[in-house]
């Protein structure tokens, strides 16, 4: 029982430290070191879209706001947003949807004041 309480306390302390440092939880972040030695993190999140849709649903905006708040702490960093889609349809259709999804995500982050347009790079 004491060991379980100690583990819970350690996990709470780690989460608190991550929050203070504006670093997202480990389930979506991976530490990275760039060629020039700068350190950062890569966010790996899934933004669910409806089939063949590129508009953000109400269920994802809360998660994007959380990510946006974290990104505010890094105004000099670049943000790469990759769009993806299922393997259905034509290649051209998949690329178009992927681009639109990346753009919709970028537009949300810019409109919310979380990042500047010049910080964002889109990739389908």
PDB file of N, CA and C in Angstrom:
ATOM      1  N   UNK A   1       0.816  -1.184   0.000  1.00  0.00           N
ATOM      2  CA  UNK A   1       0.000   0.000   0.000  1.00  0.00           C
ATOM      3  C   UNK A   1       0.868   1.260   0.000  1.00  0.00           C
ATOM      4  N   UNK A   2       1.927   1.275   0.785  1.00  0.00           N
ATOM      5  CA  UNK A   2       2.814   2.424   0.837  1.00  0.00           C
ATOM      6  C   UNK A   2       3.516   2.630  -0.498  1.00  0.00           C
ATOM      7  N   UNK A   3       3.889   1.537  -1.137  1.00  0.00           N
ATOM      8  CA  UNK A   3       4.562   1.627  -2.432  1.00  0.00           C
ATOM      9  C   UNK A   3       3.616   2.244  -3.474  1.00  0.00           C
ATOM     10  N   UNK A   4       2.355   1.850  -3.454  1.00  0.00           N
ATOM     11  CA  UNK A   4       1.377   2.396  -4.390  1.00  0.00           C
ATOM     12  C   UNK A   4       1.179   3.892  -4.156  1.00  0.00           C
ATOM     13  N   UNK A   5       1.095   4.300  -2.901  1.00  0.00           N
ATOM     14  CA  UNK A   5       0.954   5.721  -2.584  1.00  0.00           C
ATOM     15  C   UNK A   5       2.183   6.506  -3.029  1.00  0.00           C
ATOM     16  N   UNK A   6       3.352   5.938  -2.833  1.00  0.00           N
ATOM     17  CA  UNK A   6       4.594   6.593  -3.255  1.00  0.00           C
ATOM     18  C   UNK A   6       4.632   6.758  -4.775  1.00  0.00           C
ATOM     19  N   UNK A   7       4.179   5.739  -5.502  1.00  0.00           N
ATOM     20  CA  UNK A   7       4.145   5.821  -6.966  1.00  0.00           C
ATOM     21  C   UNK A   7       3.166   6.889  -7.424  1.00  0.00           C
ATOM     22  N   UNK A   8       2.017   6.972  -6.774  1.00  0.00           N
ATOM     23  CA  UNK A   8       1.028   7.991  -7.127  1.00  0.00           C
ATOM     24  C   UNK A   8       1.566   9.389  -6.840  1.00  0.00           C
ATOM     25  N   UNK A   9       2.251   9.537  -5.721  1.00  0.00           N
ATOM     26  CA  UNK A   9       2.823  10.834  -5.375  1.00  0.00           C
ATOM     27  C   UNK A   9       3.911  11.221  -6.379  1.00  0.00           C
ATOM     28  N   UNK A  10       4.750  10.272  -6.761  1.00  0.00           N
ATOM     29  CA  UNK A  10       5.801  10.547  -7.746  1.00  0.00           C
ATOM     30  C   UNK A  10       5.187  10.937  -9.088  1.00  0.00           C
ATOM     31  N   UNK A  11       4.152  10.253  -9.514  1.00  0.00           N
ATOM     32  CA  UNK A  11       3.483  10.576 -10.773  1.00  0.00           C
ATOM     33  C   UNK A  11       2.877  11.975 -10.717  1.00  0.00           C
ATOM     34  N   UNK A  12       2.292  12.325  -9.578  1.00  0.00           N
ATOM     35  CA  UNK A  12       1.713  13.663  -9.419  1.00  0.00           C
ATOM     36  C   UNK A  12       2.791  14.735  -9.459  1.00  0.00           C
ATOM     37  N   UNK A  13       3.934  14.462  -8.862  1.00  0.00           N
ATOM     38  CA  UNK A  13       5.039  15.417  -8.886  1.00  0.00           C
ATOM     39  C   UNK A  13       5.576  15.593 -10.307  1.00  0.00           C
ATOM     40  N   UNK A  14       5.705  14.503 -11.046  1.00  0.00           N
ATOM     41  CA  UNK A  14       6.175  14.576 -12.429  1.00  0.00           C
ATOM     42  C   UNK A  14       5.207  15.373 -13.288  1.00  0.00           C
ATOM     43  N   UNK A  15       3.914  15.140 -13.116  1.00  0.00           N
ATOM     44  CA  UNK A  15       2.909  15.866 -13.883  1.00  0.00           C
ATOM     45  C   UNK A  15       2.953  17.350 -13.535  1.00  0.00           C
ATOM     46  N   UNK A  16       3.120  17.672 -12.269  1.00  0.00           N
ATOM     47  CA  UNK A  16       3.216  19.065 -11.842  1.00  0.00           C
ATOM     48  C   UNK A  16       4.444  19.735 -12.445  1.00  0.00           C
ATOM     49  N   UNK A  17       5.569  19.052 -12.453  1.00  0.00           N
ATOM     50  CA  UNK A  17       6.793  19.605 -13.038  1.00  0.00           C
ATOM     51  C   UNK A  17       6.630  19.828 -14.531  1.00  0.00           C
ATOM     52  N   UNK A  18       5.977  18.897 -15.227  1.00  0.00           N
ATOM     53  CA  UNK A  18       5.728  19.057 -16.666  1.00  0.00           C
ATOM     54  C   UNK A  18       4.839  20.266 -16.916  1.00  0.00           C
ATOM     55  N   UNK A  19       3.824  20.427 -16.080  1.00  0.00           N
ATOM     56  CA  UNK A  19       2.906  21.544 -16.239  1.00  0.00           C
ATOM     57  C   UNK A  19       3.641  22.871 -16.045  1.00  0.00           C
ATOM     58  N   UNK A  20       4.470  22.955 -15.015  1.00  0.00           N
ATOM     59  CA  UNK A  20       5.225  24.182 -14.752  1.00  0.00           C
ATOM     60  C   UNK A  20       6.189  24.497 -15.882  1.00  0.00           C
ATOM     61  N   UNK A  21       6.746  23.482 -16.513  1.00  0.00           N
ATOM     62  CA  UNK A  21       7.695  23.692 -17.604  1.00  0.00           C
ATOM     63  C   UNK A  21       6.995  23.801 -18.950  1.00  0.00           C
ATOM     64  N   UNK A  22       5.670  23.765 -18.965  1.00  0.00           N
ATOM     65  CA  UNK A  22       4.868  23.845 -20.196  1.00  0.00           C
ATOM     66  C   UNK A  22       5.231  22.728 -21.171  1.00  0.00           C
ATOM     67  N   UNK A  23       5.504  21.548 -20.651  1.00  0.00           N
ATOM     68  CA  UNK A  23       5.797  20.390 -21.484  1.00  0.00           C
ATOM     69  C   UNK A  23       4.600  19.453 -21.427  1.00  0.00           C
ATOM     70  N   UNK A  24       4.090  19.037 -22.577  1.00  0.00           N
ATOM     71  CA  UNK A  24       2.924  18.168 -22.582  1.00  0.00           C
ATOM     72  C   UNK A  24       3.218  16.784 -22.008  1.00  0.00           C
ATOM     73  N   UNK A  25       2.173  16.052 -21.645  1.00  0.00           N
ATOM     74  CA  UNK A  25       2.343  14.709 -21.101  1.00  0.00           C
ATOM     75  C   UNK A  25       3.090  13.784 -22.060  1.00  0.00           C
ATOM     76  N   UNK A  26       3.746  12.776 -21.500  1.00  0.00           N
ATOM     77  CA  UNK A  26       4.582  11.874 -22.291  1.00  0.00           C
ATOM     78  C   UNK A  26       3.816  11.102 -23.355  1.00  0.00           C
ATOM     79  N   UNK A  27       2.510  10.944 -23.168  1.00  0.00           N
ATOM     80  CA  UNK A  27       1.773  10.164 -24.147  1.00  0.00           C
ATOM     81  C   UNK A  27       1.652  10.883 -25.484  1.00  0.00           C
ATOM     82  N   UNK A  28       1.912  12.188 -25.514  1.00  0.00           N
ATOM     83  CA  UNK A  28       1.838  12.905 -26.784  1.00  0.00           C
ATOM     84  C   UNK A  28       3.128  13.630 -27.136  1.00  0.00           C
ATOM     85  N   UNK A  29       4.105  13.619 -26.251  1.00  0.00           N
ATOM     86  CA  UNK A  29       5.336  14.365 -26.512  1.00  0.00           C
ATOM     87  C   UNK A  29       6.541  13.447 -26.498  1.00  0.00           C
ATOM     88  N   UNK A  30       7.470  13.735 -27.394  1.00  0.00           N
ATOM     89  CA  UNK A  30       8.733  13.013 -27.421  1.00  0.00           C
ATOM     90  C   UNK A  30       9.846  14.051 -27.445  1.00  0.00           C
ATOM     91  N   UNK A  31      10.831  13.928 -26.571  1.00  0.00           N
ATOM     92  CA  UNK A  31      11.922  14.903 -26.588  1.00  0.00           C
ATOM     93  C   UNK A  31      12.717  14.788 -27.891  1.00  0.00           C
ATOM     94  N   UNK A  32      13.189  15.927 -28.380  1.00  0.00           N
ATOM     95  CA  UNK A  32      14.013  15.947 -29.592  1.00  0.00           C
ATOM     96  C   UNK A  32      15.201  16.867 -29.354  1.00  0.00           C
ATOM     97  N   UNK A  33      16.301  16.556 -30.016  1.00  0.00           N
ATOM     98  CA  UNK A  33      17.480  17.406 -30.019  1.00  0.00           C
ATOM     99  C   UNK A  33      17.802  17.689 -31.473  1.00  0.00           C
ATOM    100  N   UNK A  34      17.836  18.963 -31.827  1.00  0.00           N
ATOM    101  CA  UNK A  34      18.112  19.351 -33.203  1.00  0.00           C
ATOM    102  C   UNK A  34      19.609  19.288 -33.479  1.00  0.00           C
ATOM    103  N   UNK A  35      19.968  19.342 -34.751  1.00  0.00           N
ATOM    104  CA  UNK A  35      21.370  19.244 -35.159  1.00  0.00           C
ATOM    105  C   UNK A  35      22.229  20.329 -34.508  1.00  0.00           C
ATOM    106  N   UNK A  36      21.657  21.495 -34.245  1.00  0.00           N
ATOM    107  CA  UNK A  36      22.433  22.583 -33.639  1.00  0.00           C
ATOM    108  C   UNK A  36      22.467  22.502 -32.109  1.00  0.00           C
ATOM    109  N   UNK A  37      21.919  21.422 -31.541  1.00  0.00           N
ATOM    110  CA  UNK A  37      21.971  21.210 -30.100  1.00  0.00           C
ATOM    111  C   UNK A  37      20.769  21.719 -29.331  1.00  0.00           C
ATOM    112  N   UNK A  38      19.884  22.480 -29.985  1.00  0.00           N
ATOM    113  CA  UNK A  38      18.696  22.959 -29.289  1.00  0.00           C
ATOM    114  C   UNK A  38      17.802  21.771 -28.943  1.00  0.00           C
ATOM    115  N   UNK A  39      17.139  21.907 -27.816  1.00  0.00           N
ATOM    116  CA  UNK A  39      16.236  20.854 -27.365  1.00  0.00           C
ATOM    117  C   UNK A  39      14.803  21.332 -27.489  1.00  0.00           C
ATOM    118  N   UNK A  40      13.924  20.390 -27.711  1.00  0.00           N
ATOM    119  CA  UNK A  40      12.515  20.700 -27.806  1.00  0.00           C
ATOM    120  C   UNK A  40      11.714  19.430 -27.672  1.00  0.00           C
ATOM    121  N   UNK A  41      10.514  19.460 -28.177  1.00  0.00           N
ATOM    122  CA  UNK A  41       9.695  18.257 -28.142  1.00  0.00           C
ATOM    123  C   UNK A  41       8.826  18.205 -29.377  1.00  0.00           C
ATOM    124  N   UNK A  42       8.523  16.993 -29.772  1.00  0.00           N
ATOM    125  CA  UNK A  42       7.626  16.742 -30.892  1.00  0.00           C
ATOM    126  C   UNK A  42       6.304  16.275 -30.314  1.00  0.00           C
ATOM    127  N   UNK A  43       5.238  16.950 -30.706  1.00  0.00           N
ATOM    128  CA  UNK A  43       3.907  16.558 -30.255  1.00  0.00           C
ATOM    129  C   UNK A  43       3.313  15.587 -31.244  1.00  0.00           C
ATOM    130  N   UNK A  44       2.767  14.539 -30.735  1.00  0.00           N
ATOM    131  CA  UNK A  44       2.102  13.557 -31.579  1.00  0.00           C
ATOM    132  C   UNK A  44       0.672  13.444 -31.092  1.00  0.00           C
ATOM    133  N   UNK A  45      -0.199  14.156 -31.760  1.00  0.00           N
ATOM    134  CA  UNK A  45      -1.608  14.096 -31.383  1.00  0.00           C
ATOM    135  C   UNK A  45      -2.430  13.735 -32.611  1.00  0.00           C
ATOM    136  N   UNK A  46      -3.565  13.178 -32.351  1.00  0.00           N
ATOM    137  CA  UNK A  46      -4.497  12.863 -33.421  1.00  0.00           C
ATOM    138  C   UNK A  46      -5.690  13.787 -33.282  1.00  0.00           C
ATOM    139  N   UNK A  47      -5.985  14.485 -34.346  1.00  0.00           N
ATOM    140  CA  UNK A  47      -7.164  15.341 -34.385  1.00  0.00           C
ATOM    141  C   UNK A  47      -8.189  14.593 -35.226  1.00  0.00           C
ATOM    142  N   UNK A  48      -9.231  14.066 -34.607  1.00  0.00           N
ATOM    143  CA  UNK A  48     -10.200  13.276 -35.367  1.00  0.00           C
ATOM    144  C   UNK A  48     -11.086  14.147 -36.265  1.00  0.00           C
ATOM    145  N   UNK A  49     -11.209  13.737 -37.491  1.00  0.00           N
ATOM    146  CA  UNK A  49     -12.080  14.384 -38.468  1.00  0.00           C
ATOM    147  C   UNK A  49     -13.094  13.348 -38.941  1.00  0.00           C
ATOM    148  N   UNK A  50     -14.246  13.810 -39.386  1.00  0.00           N
ATOM    149  CA  UNK A  50     -15.223  12.912 -39.971  1.00  0.00           C
ATOM    150  C   UNK A  50     -14.707  12.401 -41.309  1.00  0.00           C
ATOM    151  N   UNK A  51     -15.266  11.304 -41.770  1.00  0.00           N
ATOM    152  CA  UNK A  51     -14.850  10.723 -43.057  1.00  0.00           C
ATOM    153  C   UNK A  51     -14.985  11.764 -44.165  1.00  0.00           C
ATOM    154  N   UNK A  52     -13.916  11.928 -44.915  1.00  0.00           N
ATOM    155  CA  UNK A  52     -13.871  12.883 -46.031  1.00  0.00           C
ATOM    156  C   UNK A  52     -14.208  14.306 -45.608  1.00  0.00           C
ATOM    157  N   UNK A  53     -13.943  14.659 -44.366  1.00  0.00           N
ATOM    158  CA  UNK A  53     -14.215  15.995 -43.853  1.00  0.00           C
ATOM    159  C   UNK A  53     -12.896  16.668 -43.451  1.00  0.00           C
ATOM    160  N   UNK A  54     -12.901  17.994 -43.516  1.00  0.00           N
ATOM    161  CA  UNK A  54     -11.716  18.724 -43.086  1.00  0.00           C
ATOM    162  C   UNK A  54     -12.046  19.821 -42.082  1.00  0.00           C
ATOM    163  N   UNK A  55     -13.284  19.842 -41.596  1.00  0.00           N
ATOM    164  CA  UNK A  55     -13.650  20.848 -40.591  1.00  0.00           C
ATOM    165  C   UNK A  55     -13.479  20.253 -39.196  1.00  0.00           C
ATOM    166  N   UNK A  56     -13.043  21.111 -38.268  1.00  0.00           N
ATOM    167  CA  UNK A  56     -12.836  20.671 -36.895  1.00  0.00           C
ATOM    168  C   UNK A  56     -14.174  20.520 -36.192  1.00  0.00           C
ATOM    169  N   UNK A  57     -14.359  19.395 -35.547  1.00  0.00           N
ATOM    170  CA  UNK A  57     -15.575  19.177 -34.775  1.00  0.00           C
ATOM    171  C   UNK A  57     -15.431  19.741 -33.379  1.00  0.00           C
ATOM    172  N   UNK A  58     -16.532  19.926 -32.672  1.00  0.00           N
ATOM    173  CA  UNK A  58     -16.489  20.509 -31.327  1.00  0.00           C
ATOM    174  C   UNK A  58     -15.721  19.654 -30.330  1.00  0.00           C
ATOM    175  N   UNK A  59     -15.622  18.369 -30.578  1.00  0.00           N
ATOM    176  CA  UNK A  59     -14.927  17.489 -29.651  1.00  0.00           C
ATOM    177  C   UNK A  59     -13.420  17.638 -29.642  1.00  0.00           C
ATOM    178  N   UNK A  60     -12.845  18.289 -30.642  1.00  0.00           N
ATOM    179  CA  UNK A  60     -11.383  18.391 -30.713  1.00  0.00           C
ATOM    180  C   UNK A  60     -10.864  19.767 -30.326  1.00  0.00           C
ATOM    181  N   UNK A  61     -11.725  20.764 -30.280  1.00  0.00           N
ATOM    182  CA  UNK A  61     -11.227  22.107 -30.020  1.00  0.00           C
ATOM    183  C   UNK A  61     -10.655  22.260 -28.615  1.00  0.00           C
ATOM    184  N   UNK A  62     -11.186  21.548 -27.646  1.00  0.00           N
ATOM    185  CA  UNK A  62     -10.636  21.604 -26.296  1.00  0.00           C
ATOM    186  C   UNK A  62      -9.210  21.092 -26.257  1.00  0.00           C
ATOM    187  N   UNK A  63      -8.969  19.999 -26.937  1.00  0.00           N
ATOM    188  CA  UNK A  63      -7.618  19.422 -26.984  1.00  0.00           C
ATOM    189  C   UNK A  63      -6.660  20.356 -27.704  1.00  0.00           C
ATOM    190  N   UNK A  64      -7.128  20.975 -28.787  1.00  0.00           N
ATOM    191  CA  UNK A  64      -6.271  21.909 -29.516  1.00  0.00           C
ATOM    192  C   UNK A  64      -5.989  23.160 -28.685  1.00  0.00           C
ATOM    193  N   UNK A  65      -6.943  23.588 -27.872  1.00  0.00           N
ATOM    194  CA  UNK A  65      -6.691  24.731 -26.985  1.00  0.00           C
ATOM    195  C   UNK A  65      -5.578  24.394 -25.993  1.00  0.00           C
ATOM    196  N   UNK A  66      -5.597  23.178 -25.450  1.00  0.00           N
ATOM    197  CA  UNK A  66      -4.549  22.746 -24.521  1.00  0.00           C
ATOM    198  C   UNK A  66      -3.186  22.792 -25.212  1.00  0.00           C
ATOM    199  N   UNK A  67      -3.126  22.245 -26.405  1.00  0.00           N
ATOM    200  CA  UNK A  67      -1.875  22.258 -27.165  1.00  0.00           C
ATOM    201  C   UNK A  67      -1.476  23.696 -27.470  1.00  0.00           C
ATOM    202  N   UNK A  68      -2.442  24.509 -27.856  1.00  0.00           N
ATOM    203  CA  UNK A  68      -2.169  25.911 -28.151  1.00  0.00           C
ATOM    204  C   UNK A  68      -1.581  26.652 -26.957  1.00  0.00           C
ATOM    205  N   UNK A  69      -2.114  26.409 -25.781  1.00  0.00           N
ATOM    206  CA  UNK A  69      -1.584  27.064 -24.584  1.00  0.00           C
ATOM    207  C   UNK A  69      -0.123  26.672 -24.365  1.00  0.00           C
ATOM    208  N   UNK A  70       0.207  25.426 -24.628  1.00  0.00           N
ATOM    209  CA  UNK A  70       1.592  24.990 -24.508  1.00  0.00           C
ATOM    210  C   UNK A  70       2.461  25.695 -25.541  1.00  0.00           C
ATOM    211  N   UNK A  71       1.968  25.788 -26.775  1.00  0.00           N
ATOM    212  CA  UNK A  71       2.740  26.420 -27.843  1.00  0.00           C
ATOM    213  C   UNK A  71       3.010  27.896 -27.575  1.00  0.00           C
ATOM    214  N   UNK A  72       2.126  28.558 -26.848  1.00  0.00           N
ATOM    215  CA  UNK A  72       2.343  29.971 -26.500  1.00  0.00           C
ATOM    216  C   UNK A  72       3.663  30.169 -25.760  1.00  0.00           C
ATOM    217  N   UNK A  73       4.081  29.161 -25.025  1.00  0.00           N
ATOM    218  CA  UNK A  73       5.329  29.250 -24.266  1.00  0.00           C
ATOM    219  C   UNK A  73       6.574  29.149 -25.119  1.00  0.00           C
ATOM    220  N   UNK A  74       6.404  28.932 -26.406  1.00  0.00           N
ATOM    221  CA  UNK A  74       7.535  28.751 -27.309  1.00  0.00           C
ATOM    222  C   UNK A  74       7.361  29.622 -28.552  1.00  0.00           C
ATOM    223  N   UNK A  75       7.300  30.953 -28.382  1.00  0.00           N
ATOM    224  CA  UNK A  75       6.991  31.832 -29.514  1.00  0.00           C
ATOM    225  C   UNK A  75       8.061  31.869 -30.602  1.00  0.00           C
ATOM    226  N   UNK A  76       9.255  31.397 -30.310  1.00  0.00           N
ATOM    227  CA  UNK A  76      10.322  31.406 -31.322  1.00  0.00           C
ATOM    228  C   UNK A  76      10.431  30.081 -32.068  1.00  0.00           C
ATOM    229  N   UNK A  77       9.678  29.093 -31.639  1.00  0.00           N
ATOM    230  CA  UNK A  77       9.754  27.781 -32.268  1.00  0.00           C
ATOM    231  C   UNK A  77       8.815  27.669 -33.451  1.00  0.00           C
ATOM    232  N   UNK A  78       9.158  26.788 -34.358  1.00  0.00           N
ATOM    233  CA  UNK A  78       8.328  26.497 -35.518  1.00  0.00           C
ATOM    234  C   UNK A  78       7.382  25.361 -35.165  1.00  0.00           C
ATOM    235  N   UNK A  79       6.269  25.325 -35.860  1.00  0.00           N
ATOM    236  CA  UNK A  79       5.259  24.296 -35.639  1.00  0.00           C
ATOM    237  C   UNK A  79       4.979  23.627 -36.986  1.00  0.00           C
ATOM    238  N   UNK A  80       5.221  22.340 -37.063  1.00  0.00           N
ATOM    239  CA  UNK A  80       4.917  21.570 -38.263  1.00  0.00           C
ATOM    240  C   UNK A  80       3.609  20.839 -38.027  1.00  0.00           C
ATOM    241  N   UNK A  81       2.644  21.074 -38.901  1.00  0.00           N
ATOM    242  CA  UNK A  81       1.351  20.394 -38.808  1.00  0.00           C
ATOM    243  C   UNK A  81       1.214  19.502 -40.025  1.00  0.00           C
ATOM    244  N   UNK A  82       1.099  18.213 -39.777  1.00  0.00           N
ATOM    245  CA  UNK A  82       0.962  17.244 -40.858  1.00  0.00           C
ATOM    246  C   UNK A  82      -0.482  16.782 -40.946  1.00  0.00           C
ATOM    247  N   UNK A  83      -1.017  16.802 -42.152  1.00  0.00           N
ATOM    248  CA  UNK A  83      -2.360  16.290 -42.376  1.00  0.00           C
ATOM    249  C   UNK A  83      -2.299  14.855 -42.877  1.00  0.00           C
ATOM    250  N   UNK A  84      -3.216  14.047 -42.430  1.00  0.00           N
ATOM    251  CA  UNK A  84      -3.293  12.640 -42.843  1.00  0.00           C
ATOM    252  C   UNK A  84      -4.741  12.286 -43.137  1.00  0.00           C
ATOM    253  N   UNK A  85      -4.922  11.203 -43.808  1.00  0.00           N
ATOM    254  CA  UNK A  85      -6.260  10.698 -44.083  1.00  0.00           C
ATOM    255  C   UNK A  85      -6.187   9.190 -44.274  1.00  0.00           C
ATOM    256  N   UNK A  86      -7.348   8.574 -44.344  1.00  0.00           N
ATOM    257  CA  UNK A  86      -7.416   7.127 -44.566  1.00  0.00           C
ATOM    258  C   UNK A  86      -6.995   6.810 -45.996  1.00  0.00           C
ATOM    259  N   UNK A  87      -6.845   5.560 -46.281  1.00  0.00           N
ATOM    260  CA  UNK A  87      -6.394   5.138 -47.607  1.00  0.00           C
ATOM    261  C   UNK A  87      -7.529   4.975 -48.616  1.00  0.00           C
ATOM    262  N   UNK A  88      -8.688   5.502 -48.313  1.00  0.00           N
ATOM    263  CA  UNK A  88      -9.815   5.396 -49.242  1.00  0.00           C
ATOM    264  C   UNK A  88      -9.772   6.540 -50.250  1.00  0.00           C
ATOM    265  N   UNK A  89     -10.343   6.317 -51.414  1.00  0.00           N
ATOM    266  CA  UNK A  89     -10.424   7.371 -52.424  1.00  0.00           C
ATOM    267  C   UNK A  89      -9.177   7.448 -53.286  1.00  0.00           C
ATOM    268  N   UNK A  90      -9.144   8.477 -54.106  1.00  0.00           N
ATOM    269  CA  UNK A  90      -8.008   8.648 -55.011  1.00  0.00           C
ATOM    270  C   UNK A  90      -6.842   9.315 -54.281  1.00  0.00           C
ATOM    271  N   UNK A  91      -5.663   9.196 -54.830  1.00  0.00           N
ATOM    272  CA  UNK A  91      -4.476   9.830 -54.249  1.00  0.00           C
ATOM    273  C   UNK A  91      -4.677  11.344 -54.188  1.00  0.00           C
ATOM    274  N   UNK A  92      -5.174  11.924 -55.276  1.00  0.00           N
ATOM    275  CA  UNK A  92      -5.391  13.373 -55.309  1.00  0.00           C
ATOM    276  C   UNK A  92      -6.415  13.795 -54.257  1.00  0.00           C
ATOM    277  N   UNK A  93      -7.453  13.016 -54.084  1.00  0.00           N
ATOM    278  CA  UNK A  93      -8.471  13.322 -53.083  1.00  0.00           C
ATOM    279  C   UNK A  93      -7.916  13.229 -51.674  1.00  0.00           C
ATOM    280  N   UNK A  94      -7.088  12.216 -51.421  1.00  0.00           N
ATOM    281  CA  UNK A  94      -6.476  12.057 -50.091  1.00  0.00           C
ATOM    282  C   UNK A  94      -5.533  13.219 -49.793  1.00  0.00           C
ATOM    283  N   UNK A  95      -4.747  13.624 -50.770  1.00  0.00           N
ATOM    284  CA  UNK A  95      -3.815  14.742 -50.569  1.00  0.00           C
ATOM    285  C   UNK A  95      -4.591  16.026 -50.282  1.00  0.00           C
ATOM    286  N   UNK A  96      -5.659  16.257 -51.027  1.00  0.00           N
ATOM    287  CA  UNK A  96      -6.466  17.458 -50.828  1.00  0.00           C
ATOM    288  C   UNK A  96      -7.052  17.500 -49.420  1.00  0.00           C
ATOM    289  N   UNK A  97      -7.644  16.393 -48.989  1.00  0.00           N
ATOM    290  CA  UNK A  97      -8.234  16.322 -47.648  1.00  0.00           C
ATOM    291  C   UNK A  97      -7.151  16.502 -46.577  1.00  0.00           C
ATOM    292  N   UNK A  98      -6.004  15.864 -46.753  1.00  0.00           N
ATOM    293  CA  UNK A  98      -4.915  15.994 -45.782  1.00  0.00           C
ATOM    294  C   UNK A  98      -4.458  17.440 -45.679  1.00  0.00           C
ATOM    295  N   UNK A  99      -4.325  18.124 -46.810  1.00  0.00           N
ATOM    296  CA  UNK A  99      -3.927  19.534 -46.806  1.00  0.00           C
ATOM    297  C   UNK A  99      -4.978  20.385 -46.102  1.00  0.00           C
ATOM    298  N   UNK A 100      -6.234  20.133 -46.394  1.00  0.00           N
ATOM    299  CA  UNK A 100      -7.319  20.906 -45.773  1.00  0.00           C
ATOM    300  C   UNK A 100      -7.371  20.681 -44.263  1.00  0.00           C
ATOM    301  N   UNK A 101      -7.097  19.468 -43.826  1.00  0.00           N
ATOM    302  CA  UNK A 101      -7.106  19.175 -42.396  1.00  0.00           C
ATOM    303  C   UNK A 101      -5.956  19.887 -41.688  1.00  0.00           C
ATOM    304  N   UNK A 102      -4.786  19.862 -42.284  1.00  0.00           N
ATOM    305  CA  UNK A 102      -3.645  20.578 -41.702  1.00  0.00           C
ATOM    306  C   UNK A 102      -3.954  22.068 -41.640  1.00  0.00           C
ATOM    307  N   UNK A 103      -4.547  22.609 -42.712  1.00  0.00           N
ATOM    308  CA  UNK A 103      -4.875  24.031 -42.758  1.00  0.00           C
ATOM    309  C   UNK A 103      -5.921  24.390 -41.706  1.00  0.00           C
ATOM    310  N   UNK A 104      -6.935  23.558 -41.527  1.00  0.00           N
ATOM    311  CA  UNK A 104      -7.968  23.819 -40.530  1.00  0.00           C
ATOM    312  C   UNK A 104      -7.366  23.860 -39.124  1.00  0.00           C
ATOM    313  N   UNK A 105      -6.438  22.967 -38.850  1.00  0.00           N
ATOM    314  CA  UNK A 105      -5.772  22.932 -37.553  1.00  0.00           C
ATOM    315  C   UNK A 105      -4.935  24.194 -37.363  1.00  0.00           C
ATOM    316  N   UNK A 106      -4.180  24.563 -38.388  1.00  0.00           N
ATOM    317  CA  UNK A 106      -3.366  25.784 -38.326  1.00  0.00           C
ATOM    318  C   UNK A 106      -4.247  27.013 -38.131  1.00  0.00           C
ATOM    319  N   UNK A 107      -5.322  27.101 -38.881  1.00  0.00           N
ATOM    320  CA  UNK A 107      -6.225  28.249 -38.777  1.00  0.00           C
ATOM    321  C   UNK A 107      -6.775  28.395 -37.356  1.00  0.00           C
ATOM    322  N   UNK A 108      -7.118  27.276 -36.737  1.00  0.00           N
ATOM    323  CA  UNK A 108      -7.630  27.301 -35.369  1.00  0.00           C
ATOM    324  C   UNK A 108      -6.573  27.852 -34.413  1.00  0.00           C
ATOM    325  N   UNK A 109      -5.344  27.373 -34.531  1.00  0.00           N
ATOM    326  CA  UNK A 109      -4.277  27.805 -33.626  1.00  0.00           C
ATOM    327  C   UNK A 109      -3.936  29.276 -33.817  1.00  0.00           C
ATOM    328  N   UNK A 110      -3.950  29.749 -35.058  1.00  0.00           N
ATOM    329  CA  UNK A 110      -3.663  31.165 -35.333  1.00  0.00           C
ATOM    330  C   UNK A 110      -4.818  32.041 -34.846  1.00  0.00           C
ATOM    331  N   UNK A 111      -6.041  31.648 -35.174  1.00  0.00           N
ATOM    332  CA  UNK A 111      -7.215  32.444 -34.777  1.00  0.00           C
ATOM    333  C   UNK A 111      -7.325  32.556 -33.263  1.00  0.00           C
ATOM    334  N   UNK A 112      -6.889  31.528 -32.551  1.00  0.00           N
ATOM    335  CA  UNK A 112      -6.940  31.545 -31.089  1.00  0.00           C
ATOM    336  C   UNK A 112      -5.796  32.320 -30.459  1.00  0.00           C
ATOM    337  N   UNK A 113      -4.867  32.802 -31.288  1.00  0.00           N
ATOM    338  CA  UNK A 113      -3.735  33.558 -30.764  1.00  0.00           C
ATOM    339  C   UNK A 113      -2.667  32.696 -30.125  1.00  0.00           C
ATOM    340  N   UNK A 114      -2.669  31.410 -30.422  1.00  0.00           N
ATOM    341  CA  UNK A 114      -1.696  30.497 -29.823  1.00  0.00           C
ATOM    342  C   UNK A 114      -0.349  30.537 -30.544  1.00  0.00           C
ATOM    343  N   UNK A 115      -0.382  30.706 -31.847  1.00  0.00           N
ATOM    344  CA  UNK A 115       0.835  30.792 -32.662  1.00  0.00           C
ATOM    345  C   UNK A 115       0.628  31.856 -33.740  1.00  0.00           C
ATOM    346  N   UNK A 116       1.728  32.307 -34.290  1.00  0.00           N
ATOM    347  CA  UNK A 116       1.672  33.225 -35.426  1.00  0.00           C
ATOM    348  C   UNK A 116       1.691  32.415 -36.711  1.00  0.00           C
ATOM    349  N   UNK A 117       1.108  32.957 -37.737  1.00  0.00           N
ATOM    350  CA  UNK A 117       1.067  32.273 -39.039  1.00  0.00           C
ATOM    351  C   UNK A 117       2.491  31.934 -39.514  1.00  0.00           C
ATOM    352  N   UNK A 118       3.462  32.830 -39.273  1.00  0.00           N
ATOM    353  CA  UNK A 118       4.827  32.596 -39.759  1.00  0.00           C
ATOM    354  C   UNK A 118       5.557  31.514 -38.983  1.00  0.00           C
ATOM    355  N   UNK A 119       4.990  31.017 -37.904  1.00  0.00           N
ATOM    356  CA  UNK A 119       5.590  29.909 -37.159  1.00  0.00           C
ATOM    357  C   UNK A 119       5.210  28.558 -37.754  1.00  0.00           C
ATOM    358  N   UNK A 120       4.208  28.527 -38.589  1.00  0.00           N
ATOM    359  CA  UNK A 120       3.595  27.265 -39.017  1.00  0.00           C
ATOM    360  C   UNK A 120       4.095  26.817 -40.376  1.00  0.00           C
ATOM    361  N   UNK A 121       4.356  25.542 -40.465  1.00  0.00           N
ATOM    362  CA  UNK A 121       4.643  24.882 -41.736  1.00  0.00           C
ATOM    363  C   UNK A 121       3.630  23.748 -41.877  1.00  0.00           C
ATOM    364  N   UNK A 122       3.012  23.666 -43.041  1.00  0.00           N
ATOM    365  CA  UNK A 122       2.021  22.618 -43.281  1.00  0.00           C
ATOM    366  C   UNK A 122       2.617  21.543 -44.158  1.00  0.00           C
ATOM    367  N   UNK A 123       2.168  20.310 -43.923  1.00  0.00           N
ATOM    368  CA  UNK A 123       2.638  19.172 -44.712  1.00  0.00           C
ATOM    369  C   UNK A 123       1.517  18.159 -44.827  1.00  0.00           C
ATOM    370  N   UNK A 124       1.281  17.678 -46.047  1.00  0.00           N
ATOM    371  CA  UNK A 124       0.242  16.665 -46.259  1.00  0.00           C
ATOM    372  C   UNK A 124       0.879  15.313 -46.461  1.00  0.00           C
TER     373      UNK A 124
END
